[in-house]
Amino acid sequence: MDQVGQYGQILEELLNVYAQKPSHGDIETEVIIDRNGKHFELMHVGWHGTRRVHGSVLHIDIIDGKIWVQHDGTSPGIALDLVEAGVPREDIVLGFRPPEVRPYTDFGTAK
């Protein structure tokens, strides 16, 4: 399996693990994967009392062979799980951080 395919497999496995974590209220967790477009997302959809819940928990893309974490609503962050799964830090870009800050994150700095 090529590197991009391997990264897709790792992301799918991690999102499915995150999807099993309980949430509060009447909220469904959805794993959305577009392997051809290399997009991976974890969503929460439902109700918490009278408040509508609809939002991205994780949004990750594979761009130019690197994993771009576009949004991370988890704690302490999926990037550490990616490293633990064997992804080199330089192949993980924290896309939600400004480009000028990325060199100080200990992760990839792709533009």
N, C-alpha and C. Protein backbone atom coordinates (compact mmCIF):
# COMPACT_ATOMS: atom_id res chain seq x y z
N MET A 1 0.86 -1.18 0.00
CA MET A 1 0.00 0.00 0.00
C MET A 1 0.89 1.24 0.00
N ASP A 2 0.55 2.21 -0.83
CA ASP A 2 1.32 3.44 -0.90
C ASP A 2 1.10 4.29 0.36
N GLN A 3 1.92 5.31 0.53
CA GLN A 3 1.87 6.14 1.73
C GLN A 3 0.52 6.83 1.90
N VAL A 4 -0.03 7.38 0.82
CA VAL A 4 -1.32 8.06 0.92
C VAL A 4 -2.41 7.07 1.31
N GLY A 5 -2.38 5.88 0.73
CA GLY A 5 -3.34 4.85 1.09
C GLY A 5 -3.19 4.42 2.54
N GLN A 6 -1.95 4.32 2.99
CA GLN A 6 -1.69 3.97 4.40
C GLN A 6 -2.21 5.07 5.33
N TYR A 7 -1.97 6.33 4.98
CA TYR A 7 -2.46 7.43 5.81
C TYR A 7 -3.99 7.44 5.84
N GLY A 8 -4.62 7.15 4.70
CA GLY A 8 -6.08 7.07 4.67
C GLY A 8 -6.61 5.99 5.59
N GLN A 9 -5.93 4.84 5.60
CA GLN A 9 -6.33 3.74 6.47
C GLN A 9 -6.19 4.13 7.94
N ILE A 10 -5.09 4.77 8.29
CA ILE A 10 -4.86 5.21 9.67
C ILE A 10 -5.95 6.21 10.08
N LEU A 11 -6.24 7.17 9.21
CA LEU A 11 -7.26 8.18 9.52
C LEU A 11 -8.63 7.54 9.70
N GLU A 12 -8.98 6.61 8.83
CA GLU A 12 -10.27 5.95 8.95
C GLU A 12 -10.38 5.20 10.29
N GLU A 13 -9.33 4.50 10.65
CA GLU A 13 -9.33 3.76 11.92
C GLU A 13 -9.46 4.72 13.11
N LEU A 14 -8.70 5.81 13.10
CA LEU A 14 -8.76 6.76 14.21
C LEU A 14 -10.12 7.44 14.30
N LEU A 15 -10.70 7.83 13.17
CA LEU A 15 -12.02 8.47 13.20
C LEU A 15 -13.07 7.51 13.75
N ASN A 16 -12.97 6.25 13.38
CA ASN A 16 -13.93 5.27 13.92
C ASN A 16 -13.76 5.08 15.42
N VAL A 17 -12.55 5.17 15.92
CA VAL A 17 -12.32 5.11 17.38
C VAL A 17 -12.94 6.34 18.04
N TYR A 18 -12.66 7.52 17.48
CA TYR A 18 -13.23 8.75 18.03
C TYR A 18 -14.76 8.73 17.98
N ALA A 19 -15.33 8.10 16.96
CA ALA A 19 -16.79 8.06 16.81
C ALA A 19 -17.44 7.23 17.91
N GLN A 20 -16.70 6.34 18.55
CA GLN A 20 -17.24 5.49 19.61
C GLN A 20 -17.29 6.20 20.96
N LYS A 21 -16.59 7.32 21.07
CA LYS A 21 -16.57 8.04 22.34
C LYS A 21 -17.94 8.65 22.59
N PRO A 22 -18.45 8.52 23.80
CA PRO A 22 -19.80 9.02 24.07
C PRO A 22 -19.86 10.55 24.02
N SER A 23 -21.00 11.03 23.58
CA SER A 23 -21.26 12.47 23.64
C SER A 23 -22.49 12.66 24.50
N HIS A 24 -22.81 13.89 24.81
CA HIS A 24 -23.96 14.18 25.67
C HIS A 24 -25.17 14.53 24.80
N GLY A 25 -26.34 14.42 25.39
CA GLY A 25 -27.56 14.75 24.66
C GLY A 25 -27.91 13.67 23.66
N ASP A 26 -28.84 13.98 22.78
CA ASP A 26 -29.29 13.07 21.73
C ASP A 26 -28.52 13.41 20.46
N ILE A 27 -27.24 13.06 20.45
CA ILE A 27 -26.33 13.48 19.39
C ILE A 27 -25.73 12.25 18.71
N GLU A 28 -25.83 12.23 17.40
CA GLU A 28 -25.23 11.17 16.60
C GLU A 28 -23.83 11.61 16.16
N THR A 29 -22.94 10.66 16.07
CA THR A 29 -21.60 10.92 15.56
C THR A 29 -21.51 10.30 14.16
N GLU A 30 -21.07 11.08 13.20
CA GLU A 30 -20.96 10.62 11.82
C GLU A 30 -19.52 10.68 11.36
N VAL A 31 -19.04 9.59 10.78
CA VAL A 31 -17.73 9.55 10.13
C VAL A 31 -17.98 9.72 8.65
N ILE A 32 -17.38 10.73 8.05
CA ILE A 32 -17.57 11.02 6.63
C ILE A 32 -16.20 10.91 5.95
N ILE A 33 -16.13 10.00 4.97
CA ILE A 33 -14.84 9.75 4.31
C ILE A 33 -15.03 9.82 2.80
N ASP A 34 -14.21 10.63 2.17
CA ASP A 34 -14.13 10.71 0.71
C ASP A 34 -12.71 10.30 0.34
N ARG A 35 -12.51 9.00 0.12
CA ARG A 35 -11.16 8.50 -0.16
C ARG A 35 -10.60 9.07 -1.46
N ASN A 36 -11.44 9.22 -2.49
CA ASN A 36 -10.95 9.76 -3.77
C ASN A 36 -10.46 11.19 -3.62
N GLY A 37 -11.21 11.99 -2.87
CA GLY A 37 -10.83 13.38 -2.65
C GLY A 37 -9.90 13.57 -1.48
N LYS A 38 -9.65 12.47 -0.75
CA LYS A 38 -8.75 12.48 0.42
C LYS A 38 -9.23 13.43 1.52
N HIS A 39 -10.54 13.35 1.82
CA HIS A 39 -11.14 14.16 2.87
C HIS A 39 -11.71 13.24 3.95
N PHE A 40 -11.51 13.61 5.21
CA PHE A 40 -11.94 12.79 6.34
C PHE A 40 -12.54 13.73 7.38
N GLU A 41 -13.74 13.38 7.87
CA GLU A 41 -14.40 14.28 8.81
C GLU A 41 -15.21 13.48 9.83
N LEU A 42 -15.24 14.02 11.04
CA LEU A 42 -16.08 13.49 12.11
C LEU A 42 -17.02 14.60 12.51
N MET A 43 -18.33 14.32 12.45
CA MET A 43 -19.36 15.32 12.73
C MET A 43 -20.21 14.90 13.92
N HIS A 44 -20.76 15.88 14.62
CA HIS A 44 -21.81 15.66 15.61
C HIS A 44 -23.07 16.30 15.08
N VAL A 45 -24.18 15.54 15.13
CA VAL A 45 -25.46 16.02 14.63
C VAL A 45 -26.55 15.57 15.60
N GLY A 46 -27.40 16.49 16.03
CA GLY A 46 -28.51 16.12 16.90
C GLY A 46 -28.96 17.27 17.76
N TRP A 47 -29.42 16.92 18.97
CA TRP A 47 -29.96 17.91 19.89
C TRP A 47 -29.38 17.70 21.27
N HIS A 48 -29.09 18.81 21.93
CA HIS A 48 -28.72 18.82 23.34
C HIS A 48 -29.78 19.70 24.02
N GLY A 49 -30.79 19.03 24.57
CA GLY A 49 -31.94 19.77 25.10
C GLY A 49 -32.65 20.46 23.96
N THR A 50 -32.78 21.78 24.03
CA THR A 50 -33.45 22.54 22.98
C THR A 50 -32.45 23.15 21.99
N ARG A 51 -31.18 22.85 22.17
CA ARG A 51 -30.14 23.43 21.31
C ARG A 51 -29.74 22.44 20.21
N ARG A 52 -29.77 22.90 18.98
CA ARG A 52 -29.36 22.09 17.83
C ARG A 52 -27.85 21.98 17.81
N VAL A 53 -27.36 20.78 17.59
CA VAL A 53 -25.93 20.53 17.48
C VAL A 53 -25.65 20.04 16.06
N HIS A 54 -24.79 20.74 15.37
CA HIS A 54 -24.37 20.33 14.03
C HIS A 54 -23.01 20.94 13.78
N GLY A 55 -21.98 20.11 13.82
CA GLY A 55 -20.67 20.68 13.61
C GLY A 55 -19.58 19.65 13.47
N SER A 56 -18.51 20.12 12.93
CA SER A 56 -17.33 19.30 12.70
C SER A 56 -16.53 19.17 13.99
N VAL A 57 -16.18 17.95 14.33
CA VAL A 57 -15.28 17.69 15.45
C VAL A 57 -13.85 17.58 14.91
N LEU A 58 -13.71 16.88 13.80
CA LEU A 58 -12.41 16.73 13.13
C LEU A 58 -12.59 16.90 11.63
N HIS A 59 -11.69 17.63 11.01
CA HIS A 59 -11.66 17.76 9.55
C HIS A 59 -10.21 17.62 9.13
N ILE A 60 -9.94 16.58 8.33
CA ILE A 60 -8.57 16.27 7.94
C ILE A 60 -8.55 16.00 6.44
N ASP A 61 -7.54 16.52 5.76
CA ASP A 61 -7.33 16.26 4.34
C ASP A 61 -5.93 15.70 4.15
N ILE A 62 -5.75 14.94 3.08
CA ILE A 62 -4.41 14.54 2.66
C ILE A 62 -4.08 15.38 1.44
N ILE A 63 -3.06 16.21 1.57
CA ILE A 63 -2.66 17.14 0.51
C ILE A 63 -1.17 16.95 0.25
N ASP A 64 -0.83 16.67 -0.99
CA ASP A 64 0.58 16.49 -1.38
C ASP A 64 1.30 15.49 -0.47
N GLY A 65 0.61 14.40 -0.12
CA GLY A 65 1.23 13.34 0.68
C GLY A 65 1.35 13.62 2.16
N LYS A 66 0.80 14.74 2.61
CA LYS A 66 0.86 15.09 4.03
C LYS A 66 -0.56 15.13 4.60
N ILE A 67 -0.67 14.84 5.88
CA ILE A 67 -1.95 14.90 6.58
C ILE A 67 -2.13 16.31 7.11
N TRP A 68 -3.17 16.98 6.62
CA TRP A 68 -3.49 18.35 7.03
C TRP A 68 -4.66 18.30 8.01
N VAL A 69 -4.41 18.65 9.26
CA VAL A 69 -5.47 18.74 10.26
C VAL A 69 -6.06 20.14 10.12
N GLN A 70 -7.22 20.22 9.46
CA GLN A 70 -7.86 21.51 9.17
C GLN A 70 -8.63 22.05 10.37
N HIS A 71 -9.21 21.13 11.14
CA HIS A 71 -9.95 21.50 12.36
C HIS A 71 -9.82 20.34 13.33
N ASP A 72 -9.56 20.66 14.60
CA ASP A 72 -9.44 19.63 15.62
C ASP A 72 -10.15 20.09 16.88
N GLY A 73 -11.31 19.51 17.14
CA GLY A 73 -12.08 19.84 18.33
C GLY A 73 -11.90 18.80 19.42
N THR A 74 -10.79 18.06 19.38
CA THR A 74 -10.53 17.04 20.39
C THR A 74 -9.45 17.51 21.35
N SER A 75 -9.34 16.81 22.44
CA SER A 75 -8.30 17.13 23.42
C SER A 75 -7.61 15.84 23.80
N PRO A 76 -6.32 15.74 23.72
CA PRO A 76 -5.31 16.76 23.47
C PRO A 76 -5.04 17.02 22.00
N GLY A 77 -5.68 16.30 21.11
CA GLY A 77 -5.50 16.54 19.68
C GLY A 77 -5.17 15.26 18.94
N ILE A 78 -5.70 15.13 17.73
CA ILE A 78 -5.50 13.92 16.95
C ILE A 78 -4.07 13.80 16.43
N ALA A 79 -3.34 14.90 16.34
CA ALA A 79 -1.97 14.83 15.83
C ALA A 79 -1.12 13.87 16.67
N LEU A 80 -1.30 13.87 17.97
CA LEU A 80 -0.54 12.95 18.83
C LEU A 80 -0.92 11.50 18.57
N ASP A 81 -2.20 11.24 18.28
CA ASP A 81 -2.63 9.89 17.92
C ASP A 81 -2.03 9.47 16.59
N LEU A 82 -1.89 10.40 15.66
CA LEU A 82 -1.28 10.10 14.38
C LEU A 82 0.18 9.71 14.55
N VAL A 83 0.90 10.44 15.39
CA VAL A 83 2.29 10.12 15.67
C VAL A 83 2.38 8.73 16.30
N GLU A 84 1.51 8.46 17.25
CA GLU A 84 1.49 7.15 17.91
C GLU A 84 1.19 6.03 16.92
N ALA A 85 0.43 6.34 15.87
CA ALA A 85 0.09 5.35 14.85
C ALA A 85 1.21 5.19 13.81
N GLY A 86 2.29 5.96 13.96
CA GLY A 86 3.44 5.80 13.08
C GLY A 86 3.63 6.85 12.01
N VAL A 87 2.80 7.89 12.01
CA VAL A 87 2.95 8.96 11.02
C VAL A 87 4.06 9.89 11.49
N PRO A 88 5.08 10.14 10.65
CA PRO A 88 6.15 11.08 11.04
C PRO A 88 5.59 12.48 11.28
N ARG A 89 6.11 13.15 12.29
CA ARG A 89 5.64 14.50 12.63
C ARG A 89 5.72 15.46 11.44
N GLU A 90 6.75 15.32 10.60
CA GLU A 90 6.89 16.23 9.46
C GLU A 90 5.82 16.00 8.39
N ASP A 91 5.08 14.88 8.47
CA ASP A 91 3.99 14.62 7.54
C ASP A 91 2.63 15.03 8.09
N ILE A 92 2.62 15.68 9.24
CA ILE A 92 1.38 16.18 9.86
C ILE A 92 1.46 17.70 9.88
N VAL A 93 0.52 18.34 9.22
CA VAL A 93 0.49 19.80 9.17
C VAL A 93 -0.75 20.27 9.95
N LEU A 94 -0.53 21.13 10.92
CA LEU A 94 -1.65 21.70 11.68
C LEU A 94 -2.20 22.88 10.88
N GLY A 95 -3.08 22.57 9.93
CA GLY A 95 -3.61 23.58 9.02
C GLY A 95 -4.41 24.67 9.70
N PHE A 96 -4.87 24.41 10.92
CA PHE A 96 -5.64 25.43 11.66
C PHE A 96 -4.71 26.45 12.32
N ARG A 97 -3.42 26.23 12.23
CA ARG A 97 -2.44 27.21 12.74
C ARG A 97 -1.96 28.07 11.58
N PRO A 98 -1.73 29.37 11.79
CA PRO A 98 -1.22 30.23 10.72
C PRO A 98 0.15 29.74 10.23
N PRO A 99 0.44 29.90 8.94
CA PRO A 99 1.71 29.41 8.39
C PRO A 99 2.94 29.90 9.14
N GLU A 100 2.90 31.14 9.63
CA GLU A 100 4.08 31.67 10.33
C GLU A 100 4.28 31.04 11.71
N VAL A 101 3.27 30.37 12.24
CA VAL A 101 3.35 29.73 13.56
C VAL A 101 3.77 28.26 13.44
N ARG A 102 3.50 27.64 12.30
CA ARG A 102 3.74 26.21 12.13
C ARG A 102 5.16 25.75 12.42
N PRO A 103 6.21 26.53 12.12
CA PRO A 103 7.55 26.07 12.44
C PRO A 103 7.77 25.83 13.94
N TYR A 104 6.94 26.39 14.79
CA TYR A 104 7.10 26.26 16.23
C TYR A 104 6.20 25.17 16.83
N THR A 105 5.46 24.43 15.99
CA THR A 105 4.52 23.44 16.48
C THR A 105 5.11 22.05 16.65
N ASP A 106 6.31 21.80 16.18
CA ASP A 106 6.94 20.48 16.22
C ASP A 106 6.28 19.51 15.24
N PHE A 107 5.54 20.08 14.26
CA PHE A 107 4.92 19.28 13.21
C PHE A 107 5.31 19.88 11.86
N GLY A 108 4.76 19.33 10.77
CA GLY A 108 5.10 19.78 9.43
C GLY A 108 4.81 21.25 9.21
N THR A 109 5.51 21.83 8.22
CA THR A 109 5.36 23.26 7.96
C THR A 109 4.94 23.55 6.53
N ALA A 110 4.38 22.57 5.83
CA ALA A 110 4.00 22.78 4.42
C ALA A 110 3.17 24.03 4.29
N LYS A 111 3.35 24.71 3.16
CA LYS A 111 2.65 25.97 2.93
C LYS A 111 1.27 25.74 2.38
